[in-house]
Amino acid sequence: MPGDEWQKTANLRAYMGYMYGQPGKKLNFMGAEIAQSAEWAHEGELEWHWLQYPRHSGMQALVKDLNHVYAAEPALYEQDCDPAGFEWRIQDDADNSILAHERFALNGDKVLVVSNFTPVPRQGYLLGVPAAGEYELLLNTDDSKYWGSQADVQSVMKTKKVVSHGLKQSISLDLPPLSTVFYRFTPAKK
């Protein structure tokens, strides 16, 4: 991966978050969960001694929290094999390297997953959403407990009647560099 040690780890955190947000089962193999640098060797073992450093213990904490969010949010797994469980929100913003999608549970609960794959923070990024309500932060891969930069991220966002991406509602996101954020949607009361 390009960049210094922090950027390489941030890339790994962002991609790990992106993977957990996608449909399908998750595979962490031989050290990815602790940001092991050495190539896997079947005659060896994981390099557990690296956990004494924040880069590696932070990655382990992130994978633990991703597993918790994944298990706690049916929208992330109930409809893995059904197209009704996934909808792109942004898949064509190459200029900003941002991808966004929503996952849906059988009962209609939603989780929004947004990834910023550049080393540049994106402030006030307008994202179209289909319904009025609010989005509550579940996980930010850039959190300082994961050895992230702890750039400002909204813990709760209310939708506004502003058209964006062909949808009548939108939210304004502050996205940390090289990160993935997860938000749970709660519809507005009628």
N, C-alpha and C. Protein backbone atom coordinates (compact mmCIF):
# COMPACT_ATOMS: atom_id res chain seq x y z
N MET A 1 0.84 -1.18 0.00
CA MET A 1 0.00 0.00 0.00
C MET A 1 0.88 1.24 0.00
N PRO A 2 0.41 2.30 -0.62
CA PRO A 2 1.19 3.54 -0.64
C PRO A 2 1.12 4.27 0.70
N GLY A 3 2.06 5.16 0.91
CA GLY A 3 2.04 6.02 2.08
C GLY A 3 2.95 5.56 3.19
N ASP A 4 2.95 6.36 4.26
CA ASP A 4 3.74 6.02 5.44
C ASP A 4 2.99 4.98 6.27
N GLU A 5 3.55 4.65 7.43
CA GLU A 5 2.95 3.60 8.26
C GLU A 5 1.52 3.94 8.66
N TRP A 6 1.26 5.21 9.03
CA TRP A 6 -0.09 5.60 9.42
C TRP A 6 -1.05 5.46 8.24
N GLN A 7 -0.66 5.95 7.06
CA GLN A 7 -1.54 5.88 5.89
C GLN A 7 -1.81 4.43 5.47
N LYS A 8 -0.80 3.59 5.53
CA LYS A 8 -1.02 2.18 5.20
C LYS A 8 -2.03 1.55 6.14
N THR A 9 -1.90 1.86 7.42
CA THR A 9 -2.83 1.30 8.40
C THR A 9 -4.22 1.89 8.23
N ALA A 10 -4.30 3.19 7.94
CA ALA A 10 -5.60 3.82 7.70
C ALA A 10 -6.28 3.20 6.48
N ASN A 11 -5.51 2.94 5.42
CA ASN A 11 -6.05 2.25 4.24
C ASN A 11 -6.63 0.89 4.64
N LEU A 12 -5.88 0.13 5.42
CA LEU A 12 -6.34 -1.19 5.85
C LEU A 12 -7.62 -1.07 6.67
N ARG A 13 -7.67 -0.10 7.58
CA ARG A 13 -8.89 0.11 8.39
C ARG A 13 -10.08 0.46 7.49
N ALA A 14 -9.86 1.38 6.53
CA ALA A 14 -10.95 1.79 5.63
C ALA A 14 -11.46 0.60 4.81
N TYR A 15 -10.54 -0.19 4.26
CA TYR A 15 -10.95 -1.34 3.46
C TYR A 15 -11.59 -2.43 4.31
N MET A 16 -11.12 -2.60 5.54
CA MET A 16 -11.75 -3.58 6.43
C MET A 16 -13.19 -3.15 6.72
N GLY A 17 -13.39 -1.87 7.00
CA GLY A 17 -14.75 -1.36 7.21
C GLY A 17 -15.61 -1.54 5.97
N TYR A 18 -15.05 -1.23 4.81
CA TYR A 18 -15.78 -1.40 3.55
C TYR A 18 -16.21 -2.85 3.36
N MET A 19 -15.30 -3.80 3.65
CA MET A 19 -15.62 -5.22 3.51
C MET A 19 -16.78 -5.61 4.44
N TYR A 20 -16.74 -5.14 5.69
CA TYR A 20 -17.80 -5.48 6.63
C TYR A 20 -19.14 -4.88 6.21
N GLY A 21 -19.13 -3.79 5.46
CA GLY A 21 -20.36 -3.18 5.00
C GLY A 21 -20.95 -3.83 3.76
N GLN A 22 -20.16 -4.59 3.04
CA GLN A 22 -20.61 -5.23 1.80
C GLN A 22 -21.38 -6.52 2.09
N PRO A 23 -22.26 -6.93 1.17
CA PRO A 23 -22.92 -8.23 1.31
C PRO A 23 -21.90 -9.36 1.24
N GLY A 24 -22.26 -10.49 1.78
CA GLY A 24 -21.38 -11.66 1.74
C GLY A 24 -20.69 -11.88 3.07
N LYS A 25 -20.14 -13.05 3.20
CA LYS A 25 -19.46 -13.40 4.45
C LYS A 25 -18.08 -12.76 4.50
N LYS A 26 -17.55 -12.62 5.70
CA LYS A 26 -16.30 -11.91 5.92
C LYS A 26 -15.17 -12.90 6.17
N LEU A 27 -13.99 -12.59 5.65
CA LEU A 27 -12.83 -13.46 5.85
C LEU A 27 -11.64 -12.62 6.29
N ASN A 28 -11.18 -12.88 7.50
CA ASN A 28 -9.93 -12.31 7.99
C ASN A 28 -8.96 -13.47 8.10
N PHE A 29 -7.80 -13.30 7.50
CA PHE A 29 -6.91 -14.44 7.38
C PHE A 29 -5.51 -14.12 7.89
N MET A 30 -5.04 -14.92 8.80
CA MET A 30 -3.65 -14.98 9.25
C MET A 30 -2.98 -13.61 9.41
N GLY A 31 -3.54 -12.81 10.29
CA GLY A 31 -2.85 -11.59 10.66
C GLY A 31 -3.47 -10.30 10.19
N ALA A 32 -4.43 -10.35 9.28
CA ALA A 32 -5.07 -9.11 8.83
C ALA A 32 -5.72 -8.39 10.01
N GLU A 33 -6.22 -9.16 10.97
CA GLU A 33 -6.91 -8.56 12.11
C GLU A 33 -5.98 -7.87 13.09
N ILE A 34 -4.68 -8.00 12.92
CA ILE A 34 -3.72 -7.27 13.77
C ILE A 34 -2.73 -6.47 12.93
N ALA A 35 -3.04 -6.28 11.66
CA ALA A 35 -2.18 -5.51 10.74
C ALA A 35 -0.76 -6.08 10.71
N GLN A 36 -0.69 -7.40 10.62
CA GLN A 36 0.61 -8.06 10.54
C GLN A 36 1.30 -7.67 9.25
N SER A 37 2.56 -7.32 9.33
CA SER A 37 3.30 -6.87 8.14
C SER A 37 3.89 -8.03 7.34
N ALA A 38 4.31 -9.07 8.04
CA ALA A 38 4.96 -10.19 7.36
C ALA A 38 3.94 -11.02 6.59
N GLU A 39 4.39 -11.59 5.50
CA GLU A 39 3.56 -12.49 4.72
C GLU A 39 3.26 -13.74 5.53
N TRP A 40 2.07 -14.30 5.33
CA TRP A 40 1.69 -15.50 6.05
C TRP A 40 2.60 -16.65 5.66
N ALA A 41 3.00 -17.44 6.65
CA ALA A 41 3.81 -18.63 6.43
C ALA A 41 3.18 -19.78 7.21
N HIS A 42 2.85 -20.85 6.53
CA HIS A 42 2.13 -21.95 7.18
C HIS A 42 2.93 -22.61 8.29
N GLU A 43 4.25 -22.50 8.27
CA GLU A 43 5.05 -23.14 9.32
C GLU A 43 5.22 -22.24 10.54
N GLY A 44 4.73 -21.02 10.47
CA GLY A 44 4.89 -20.08 11.58
C GLY A 44 3.57 -19.81 12.29
N GLU A 45 3.58 -18.77 13.08
CA GLU A 45 2.38 -18.34 13.79
C GLU A 45 2.21 -16.85 13.61
N LEU A 46 1.08 -16.33 14.06
CA LEU A 46 0.86 -14.89 13.99
C LEU A 46 1.89 -14.16 14.85
N GLU A 47 2.18 -12.96 14.47
CA GLU A 47 3.18 -12.14 15.18
C GLU A 47 2.51 -11.38 16.32
N TRP A 48 2.10 -12.13 17.35
CA TRP A 48 1.34 -11.55 18.46
C TRP A 48 2.12 -10.46 19.19
N HIS A 49 3.43 -10.52 19.15
CA HIS A 49 4.23 -9.53 19.87
C HIS A 49 4.00 -8.11 19.36
N TRP A 50 3.47 -7.96 18.13
CA TRP A 50 3.20 -6.63 17.58
C TRP A 50 2.07 -5.93 18.31
N LEU A 51 1.25 -6.67 19.06
CA LEU A 51 0.11 -6.06 19.75
C LEU A 51 0.53 -5.08 20.85
N GLN A 52 1.79 -5.03 21.18
CA GLN A 52 2.26 -4.04 22.16
C GLN A 52 2.31 -2.63 21.56
N TYR A 53 2.14 -2.52 20.24
CA TYR A 53 2.20 -1.22 19.56
C TYR A 53 0.79 -0.77 19.17
N PRO A 54 0.50 0.54 19.30
CA PRO A 54 -0.85 1.05 19.03
C PRO A 54 -1.37 0.75 17.63
N ARG A 55 -0.50 0.72 16.64
CA ARG A 55 -0.94 0.43 15.27
C ARG A 55 -1.63 -0.94 15.21
N HIS A 56 -1.04 -1.91 15.86
CA HIS A 56 -1.53 -3.29 15.79
C HIS A 56 -2.67 -3.54 16.78
N SER A 57 -2.54 -3.04 18.00
CA SER A 57 -3.63 -3.21 18.97
C SER A 57 -4.87 -2.42 18.54
N GLY A 58 -4.66 -1.29 17.86
CA GLY A 58 -5.79 -0.52 17.33
C GLY A 58 -6.53 -1.28 16.25
N MET A 59 -5.78 -1.95 15.39
CA MET A 59 -6.42 -2.74 14.33
C MET A 59 -7.20 -3.90 14.94
N GLN A 60 -6.64 -4.54 15.95
CA GLN A 60 -7.34 -5.63 16.62
C GLN A 60 -8.64 -5.12 17.26
N ALA A 61 -8.58 -3.94 17.88
CA ALA A 61 -9.78 -3.35 18.49
C ALA A 61 -10.83 -3.03 17.43
N LEU A 62 -10.39 -2.54 16.26
CA LEU A 62 -11.33 -2.25 15.18
C LEU A 62 -12.04 -3.51 14.72
N VAL A 63 -11.31 -4.58 14.48
CA VAL A 63 -11.93 -5.82 14.01
C VAL A 63 -12.91 -6.35 15.06
N LYS A 64 -12.55 -6.25 16.32
CA LYS A 64 -13.46 -6.65 17.39
C LYS A 64 -14.75 -5.83 17.32
N ASP A 65 -14.63 -4.51 17.17
CA ASP A 65 -15.82 -3.65 17.11
C ASP A 65 -16.61 -3.85 15.82
N LEU A 66 -15.93 -4.09 14.70
CA LEU A 66 -16.63 -4.40 13.45
C LEU A 66 -17.45 -5.69 13.61
N ASN A 67 -16.86 -6.70 14.25
CA ASN A 67 -17.60 -7.94 14.49
C ASN A 67 -18.84 -7.68 15.35
N HIS A 68 -18.69 -6.82 16.37
CA HIS A 68 -19.81 -6.50 17.24
C HIS A 68 -20.92 -5.78 16.47
N VAL A 69 -20.56 -4.76 15.69
CA VAL A 69 -21.55 -4.01 14.91
C VAL A 69 -22.23 -4.95 13.91
N TYR A 70 -21.44 -5.78 13.25
CA TYR A 70 -21.99 -6.72 12.26
C TYR A 70 -23.03 -7.64 12.91
N ALA A 71 -22.71 -8.19 14.07
CA ALA A 71 -23.63 -9.11 14.75
C ALA A 71 -24.85 -8.39 15.32
N ALA A 72 -24.70 -7.12 15.70
CA ALA A 72 -25.79 -6.37 16.34
C ALA A 72 -26.75 -5.74 15.34
N GLU A 73 -26.35 -5.62 14.08
CA GLU A 73 -27.17 -4.92 13.08
C GLU A 73 -27.63 -5.90 11.99
N PRO A 74 -28.85 -6.43 12.10
CA PRO A 74 -29.35 -7.38 11.10
C PRO A 74 -29.29 -6.86 9.66
N ALA A 75 -29.33 -5.55 9.48
CA ALA A 75 -29.24 -4.99 8.12
C ALA A 75 -27.93 -5.39 7.44
N LEU A 76 -26.90 -5.69 8.22
CA LEU A 76 -25.60 -6.03 7.64
C LEU A 76 -25.48 -7.50 7.25
N TYR A 77 -26.47 -8.34 7.62
CA TYR A 77 -26.32 -9.76 7.26
C TYR A 77 -27.60 -10.46 6.83
N GLU A 78 -28.78 -9.97 7.23
CA GLU A 78 -30.01 -10.73 6.97
C GLU A 78 -30.28 -10.98 5.49
N GLN A 79 -29.98 -10.01 4.65
CA GLN A 79 -30.29 -10.15 3.23
C GLN A 79 -29.02 -10.18 2.38
N ASP A 80 -28.01 -10.89 2.87
CA ASP A 80 -26.74 -11.00 2.14
C ASP A 80 -26.92 -11.49 0.71
N CYS A 81 -27.81 -12.43 0.50
CA CYS A 81 -27.96 -13.05 -0.82
C CYS A 81 -29.18 -12.55 -1.58
N ASP A 82 -29.73 -11.43 -1.14
CA ASP A 82 -30.92 -10.88 -1.78
C ASP A 82 -30.63 -9.44 -2.21
N PRO A 83 -30.84 -9.12 -3.48
CA PRO A 83 -30.59 -7.74 -3.93
C PRO A 83 -31.38 -6.69 -3.14
N ALA A 84 -32.47 -7.09 -2.49
CA ALA A 84 -33.26 -6.14 -1.69
C ALA A 84 -32.51 -5.68 -0.45
N GLY A 85 -31.41 -6.34 -0.12
CA GLY A 85 -30.64 -6.00 1.07
C GLY A 85 -29.55 -4.97 0.86
N PHE A 86 -29.41 -4.46 -0.38
CA PHE A 86 -28.28 -3.57 -0.70
C PHE A 86 -28.72 -2.54 -1.73
N GLU A 87 -28.31 -1.30 -1.52
CA GLU A 87 -28.56 -0.26 -2.52
C GLU A 87 -27.43 0.76 -2.50
N TRP A 88 -26.86 1.01 -3.68
CA TRP A 88 -25.82 2.02 -3.80
C TRP A 88 -26.41 3.40 -3.55
N ARG A 89 -25.67 4.24 -2.88
CA ARG A 89 -25.99 5.66 -2.77
C ARG A 89 -25.01 6.46 -3.63
N ILE A 90 -23.74 6.09 -3.59
CA ILE A 90 -22.72 6.73 -4.45
C ILE A 90 -21.78 5.64 -4.92
N GLN A 91 -21.67 5.48 -6.23
CA GLN A 91 -20.72 4.52 -6.79
C GLN A 91 -19.95 5.14 -7.95
N ASP A 92 -20.15 6.43 -8.18
CA ASP A 92 -19.55 7.06 -9.36
C ASP A 92 -18.80 8.35 -9.05
N ASP A 93 -18.37 8.55 -7.81
CA ASP A 93 -17.65 9.77 -7.46
C ASP A 93 -16.14 9.52 -7.45
N ALA A 94 -15.60 9.31 -8.63
CA ALA A 94 -14.16 9.04 -8.76
C ALA A 94 -13.32 10.25 -8.36
N ASP A 95 -13.84 11.45 -8.55
CA ASP A 95 -13.07 12.66 -8.21
C ASP A 95 -12.77 12.73 -6.71
N ASN A 96 -13.69 12.27 -5.88
CA ASN A 96 -13.49 12.31 -4.43
C ASN A 96 -13.16 10.95 -3.83
N SER A 97 -13.20 9.89 -4.65
CA SER A 97 -12.94 8.52 -4.19
C SER A 97 -13.82 8.13 -3.00
N ILE A 98 -15.11 8.43 -3.14
CA ILE A 98 -16.08 8.10 -2.09
C ILE A 98 -17.08 7.09 -2.63
N LEU A 99 -17.34 6.07 -1.82
CA LEU A 99 -18.37 5.07 -2.10
C LEU A 99 -19.35 5.07 -0.93
N ALA A 100 -20.64 4.94 -1.23
CA ALA A 100 -21.65 4.88 -0.17
C ALA A 100 -22.76 3.93 -0.59
N HIS A 101 -23.25 3.17 0.38
CA HIS A 101 -24.38 2.28 0.13
C HIS A 101 -25.16 2.08 1.42
N GLU A 102 -26.40 1.61 1.26
CA GLU A 102 -27.20 1.26 2.42
C GLU A 102 -27.49 -0.23 2.39
N ARG A 103 -27.54 -0.80 3.59
CA ARG A 103 -27.92 -2.20 3.79
C ARG A 103 -29.25 -2.23 4.52
N PHE A 104 -30.08 -3.24 4.22
CA PHE A 104 -31.45 -3.30 4.74
C PHE A 104 -31.72 -4.62 5.44
N ALA A 105 -32.33 -4.53 6.62
CA ALA A 105 -32.80 -5.72 7.34
C ALA A 105 -34.18 -6.10 6.82
N LEU A 106 -34.62 -7.29 7.16
CA LEU A 106 -35.94 -7.76 6.73
C LEU A 106 -37.06 -6.87 7.27
N ASN A 107 -36.87 -6.27 8.44
CA ASN A 107 -37.89 -5.41 9.03
C ASN A 107 -37.80 -3.96 8.53
N GLY A 108 -36.88 -3.68 7.61
CA GLY A 108 -36.74 -2.35 7.04
C GLY A 108 -35.68 -1.49 7.69
N ASP A 109 -35.07 -1.94 8.79
CA ASP A 109 -33.97 -1.18 9.40
C ASP A 109 -32.86 -1.00 8.38
N LYS A 110 -32.15 0.14 8.48
CA LYS A 110 -31.11 0.46 7.50
C LYS A 110 -29.81 0.86 8.19
N VAL A 111 -28.71 0.51 7.55
CA VAL A 111 -27.38 0.98 7.94
C VAL A 111 -26.73 1.59 6.71
N LEU A 112 -26.24 2.82 6.86
CA LEU A 112 -25.53 3.53 5.80
C LEU A 112 -24.03 3.33 6.01
N VAL A 113 -23.32 2.97 4.94
CA VAL A 113 -21.87 2.77 5.00
C VAL A 113 -21.24 3.71 3.97
N VAL A 114 -20.32 4.57 4.43
CA VAL A 114 -19.67 5.54 3.55
C VAL A 114 -18.16 5.42 3.72
N SER A 115 -17.45 5.27 2.59
CA SER A 115 -15.99 5.15 2.61
C SER A 115 -15.35 6.30 1.85
N ASN A 116 -14.31 6.88 2.46
CA ASN A 116 -13.49 7.91 1.83
C ASN A 116 -12.11 7.29 1.61
N PHE A 117 -11.78 7.00 0.37
CA PHE A 117 -10.53 6.30 0.06
C PHE A 117 -9.42 7.25 -0.37
N THR A 118 -9.43 8.48 0.14
CA THR A 118 -8.33 9.42 -0.13
C THR A 118 -7.74 9.87 1.20
N PRO A 119 -6.50 10.37 1.19
CA PRO A 119 -5.91 10.90 2.42
C PRO A 119 -6.37 12.32 2.74
N VAL A 120 -7.46 12.74 2.11
CA VAL A 120 -7.99 14.10 2.27
C VAL A 120 -9.32 14.04 3.00
N PRO A 121 -9.49 14.78 4.11
CA PRO A 121 -10.81 14.81 4.75
C PRO A 121 -11.82 15.50 3.84
N ARG A 122 -13.06 15.07 3.88
CA ARG A 122 -14.13 15.67 3.08
C ARG A 122 -15.14 16.30 4.05
N GLN A 123 -15.17 17.62 4.08
CA GLN A 123 -16.07 18.34 4.98
C GLN A 123 -17.33 18.73 4.23
N GLY A 124 -18.49 18.51 4.85
CA GLY A 124 -19.75 18.92 4.26
C GLY A 124 -20.10 18.19 2.98
N TYR A 125 -19.72 16.93 2.87
CA TYR A 125 -20.02 16.14 1.68
C TYR A 125 -21.51 15.84 1.65
N LEU A 126 -22.19 16.32 0.62
CA LEU A 126 -23.64 16.17 0.50
C LEU A 126 -23.98 14.80 -0.10
N LEU A 127 -24.81 14.05 0.61
CA LEU A 127 -25.18 12.70 0.21
C LEU A 127 -26.70 12.58 0.19
N GLY A 128 -27.25 12.23 -0.96
CA GLY A 128 -28.69 12.04 -1.07
C GLY A 128 -29.15 10.77 -0.39
N VAL A 129 -30.27 10.87 0.31
CA VAL A 129 -30.88 9.72 0.99
C VAL A 129 -32.38 9.72 0.69
N PRO A 130 -33.01 8.55 0.75
CA PRO A 130 -34.39 8.45 0.27
C PRO A 130 -35.48 8.91 1.23
N ALA A 131 -35.19 9.05 2.52
CA ALA A 131 -36.26 9.35 3.47
C ALA A 131 -35.79 10.30 4.56
N ALA A 132 -36.74 11.04 5.13
CA ALA A 132 -36.45 11.95 6.23
C ALA A 132 -36.22 11.15 7.51
N GLY A 133 -35.31 11.65 8.34
CA GLY A 133 -35.01 11.01 9.61
C GLY A 133 -33.64 11.43 10.10
N GLU A 134 -33.02 10.56 10.89
CA GLU A 134 -31.68 10.87 11.37
C GLU A 134 -30.79 9.64 11.30
N TYR A 135 -29.50 9.92 11.19
CA TYR A 135 -28.48 8.88 11.11
C TYR A 135 -27.60 8.98 12.34
N GLU A 136 -27.46 7.85 13.06
CA GLU A 136 -26.66 7.80 14.27
C GLU A 136 -25.39 6.98 14.01
N LEU A 137 -24.26 7.54 14.39
CA LEU A 137 -22.96 6.89 14.16
C LEU A 137 -22.86 5.59 14.95
N LEU A 138 -22.52 4.52 14.25
CA LEU A 138 -22.25 3.22 14.88
C LEU A 138 -20.76 2.98 15.02
N LEU A 139 -19.99 3.34 13.99
CA LEU A 139 -18.55 3.06 13.99
C LEU A 139 -17.85 3.97 12.99
N ASN A 140 -16.67 4.44 13.38
CA ASN A 140 -15.80 5.27 12.55
C ASN A 140 -14.42 4.62 12.57
N THR A 141 -13.95 4.12 11.44
CA THR A 141 -12.65 3.43 11.41
C THR A 141 -11.49 4.37 11.70
N ASP A 142 -11.73 5.68 11.70
CA ASP A 142 -10.69 6.67 11.99
C ASP A 142 -10.65 7.07 13.46
N ASP A 143 -11.40 6.41 14.31
CA ASP A 143 -11.41 6.72 15.74
C ASP A 143 -10.01 6.55 16.32
N SER A 144 -9.66 7.38 17.31
CA SER A 144 -8.32 7.32 17.89
C SER A 144 -8.04 5.98 18.58
N LYS A 145 -9.08 5.28 19.05
CA LYS A 145 -8.84 3.99 19.69
C LYS A 145 -8.37 2.93 18.70
N TYR A 146 -8.50 3.24 17.40
CA TYR A 146 -8.01 2.34 16.36
C TYR A 146 -6.71 2.87 15.74
N TRP A 147 -6.09 3.83 16.35
CA TRP A 147 -4.89 4.51 15.87
C TRP A 147 -5.22 5.43 14.69
N GLY A 148 -6.44 5.96 14.71
CA GLY A 148 -6.88 6.88 13.68
C GLY A 148 -6.57 8.32 14.06
N SER A 149 -6.90 9.24 13.16
CA SER A 149 -6.60 10.66 13.37
C SER A 149 -7.64 11.35 14.24
N GLN A 150 -8.78 10.70 14.47
CA GLN A 150 -9.88 11.25 15.25
C GLN A 150 -10.37 12.58 14.67
N ALA A 151 -10.43 12.64 13.33
CA ALA A 151 -11.02 13.81 12.68
C ALA A 151 -12.48 13.91 13.09
N ASP A 152 -13.01 15.12 13.09
CA ASP A 152 -14.40 15.33 13.51
C ASP A 152 -15.37 14.56 12.61
N VAL A 153 -16.29 13.86 13.25
CA VAL A 153 -17.35 13.12 12.58
C VAL A 153 -18.63 13.37 13.37
N GLN A 154 -19.73 13.57 12.66
CA GLN A 154 -21.00 13.79 13.35
C GLN A 154 -21.48 12.50 14.00
N SER A 155 -21.91 12.61 15.26
CA SER A 155 -22.46 11.43 15.92
C SER A 155 -23.92 11.21 15.53
N VAL A 156 -24.63 12.30 15.21
CA VAL A 156 -26.01 12.22 14.74
C VAL A 156 -26.19 13.26 13.64
N MET A 157 -26.85 12.87 12.55
CA MET A 157 -27.15 13.80 11.46
C MET A 157 -28.64 13.71 11.14
N LYS A 158 -29.29 14.86 11.05
CA LYS A 158 -30.68 14.92 10.62
C LYS A 158 -30.71 15.22 9.13
N THR A 159 -31.63 14.56 8.43
CA THR A 159 -31.76 14.81 7.00
C THR A 159 -32.36 16.20 6.78
N LYS A 160 -32.09 16.73 5.59
CA LYS A 160 -32.64 18.03 5.18
C LYS A 160 -33.31 17.85 3.83
N LYS A 161 -34.30 18.71 3.56
CA LYS A 161 -35.00 18.66 2.27
C LYS A 161 -34.15 19.37 1.22
N VAL A 162 -33.06 18.74 0.86
CA VAL A 162 -32.15 19.24 -0.17
C VAL A 162 -31.94 18.09 -1.16
N VAL A 163 -32.26 18.32 -2.42
CA VAL A 163 -32.11 17.28 -3.43
C VAL A 163 -30.63 17.02 -3.69
N SER A 164 -30.26 15.75 -3.69
CA SER A 164 -28.88 15.35 -4.01
C SER A 164 -28.90 13.92 -4.51
N HIS A 165 -28.10 13.64 -5.52
CA HIS A 165 -28.01 12.29 -6.09
C HIS A 165 -29.38 11.75 -6.50
N GLY A 166 -30.26 12.63 -6.95
CA GLY A 166 -31.58 12.23 -7.41
C GLY A 166 -32.56 11.89 -6.31
N LEU A 167 -32.22 12.18 -5.06
CA LEU A 167 -33.10 11.89 -3.93
C LEU A 167 -33.52 13.19 -3.25
N LYS A 168 -34.72 13.20 -2.65
CA LYS A 168 -35.30 14.44 -2.13
C LYS A 168 -34.76 14.87 -0.77
N GLN A 169 -34.10 13.99 -0.07
CA GLN A 169 -33.50 14.31 1.23
C GLN A 169 -31.99 14.16 1.11
N SER A 170 -31.27 14.79 2.03
CA SER A 170 -29.81 14.61 2.04
C SER A 170 -29.26 14.84 3.44
N ILE A 171 -28.04 14.40 3.62
CA ILE A 171 -27.27 14.67 4.83
C ILE A 171 -25.94 15.27 4.41
N SER A 172 -25.35 16.04 5.31
CA SER A 172 -24.05 16.65 5.06
C SER A 172 -23.04 15.96 5.97
N LEU A 173 -22.12 15.22 5.36
CA LEU A 173 -21.16 14.40 6.11
C LEU A 173 -19.79 15.06 6.20
N ASP A 174 -19.15 14.90 7.35
CA ASP A 174 -17.73 15.20 7.49
C ASP A 174 -17.02 13.85 7.53
N LEU A 175 -16.24 13.58 6.49
CA LEU A 175 -15.59 12.27 6.35
C LEU A 175 -14.10 12.39 6.62
N PRO A 176 -13.58 11.61 7.57
CA PRO A 176 -12.15 11.61 7.83
C PRO A 176 -11.38 11.03 6.64
N PRO A 177 -10.09 11.29 6.57
CA PRO A 177 -9.29 10.70 5.50
C PRO A 177 -9.18 9.19 5.68
N LEU A 178 -9.15 8.47 4.57
CA LEU A 178 -8.92 7.02 4.58
C LEU A 178 -9.77 6.35 5.66
N SER A 179 -11.08 6.42 5.49
CA SER A 179 -11.96 5.92 6.55
C SER A 179 -13.25 5.35 5.98
N THR A 180 -13.91 4.57 6.82
CA THR A 180 -15.27 4.09 6.56
C THR A 180 -16.09 4.36 7.81
N VAL A 181 -17.30 4.91 7.61
CA VAL A 181 -18.19 5.18 8.73
C VAL A 181 -19.50 4.42 8.53
N PHE A 182 -20.08 3.98 9.64
CA PHE A 182 -21.35 3.26 9.65
C PHE A 182 -22.37 4.08 10.44
N TYR A 183 -23.55 4.29 9.85
CA TYR A 183 -24.63 5.03 10.51
C TYR A 183 -25.92 4.22 10.46
N ARG A 184 -26.64 4.19 11.60
CA ARG A 184 -27.96 3.55 11.67
C ARG A 184 -29.02 4.62 11.41
N PHE A 185 -29.99 4.29 10.55
CA PHE A 185 -31.06 5.23 10.20
C PHE A 185 -32.29 5.03 11.09
N THR A 186 -32.86 6.15 11.54
CA THR A 186 -34.14 6.15 12.25
C THR A 186 -35.07 7.08 11.49
N PRO A 187 -36.22 6.58 11.01
CA PRO A 187 -37.12 7.44 10.24
C PRO A 187 -37.73 8.55 11.10
N ALA A 188 -38.07 9.66 10.44
CA ALA A 188 -38.73 10.76 11.13
C ALA A 188 -40.12 10.33 11.57
N LYS A 189 -40.55 10.84 12.73
CA LYS A 189 -41.90 10.53 13.21
C LYS A 189 -42.91 11.31 12.40
N LYS A 190 -44.00 10.66 12.06
CA LYS A 190 -45.03 11.31 11.23
C LYS A 190 -46.06 11.98 12.07
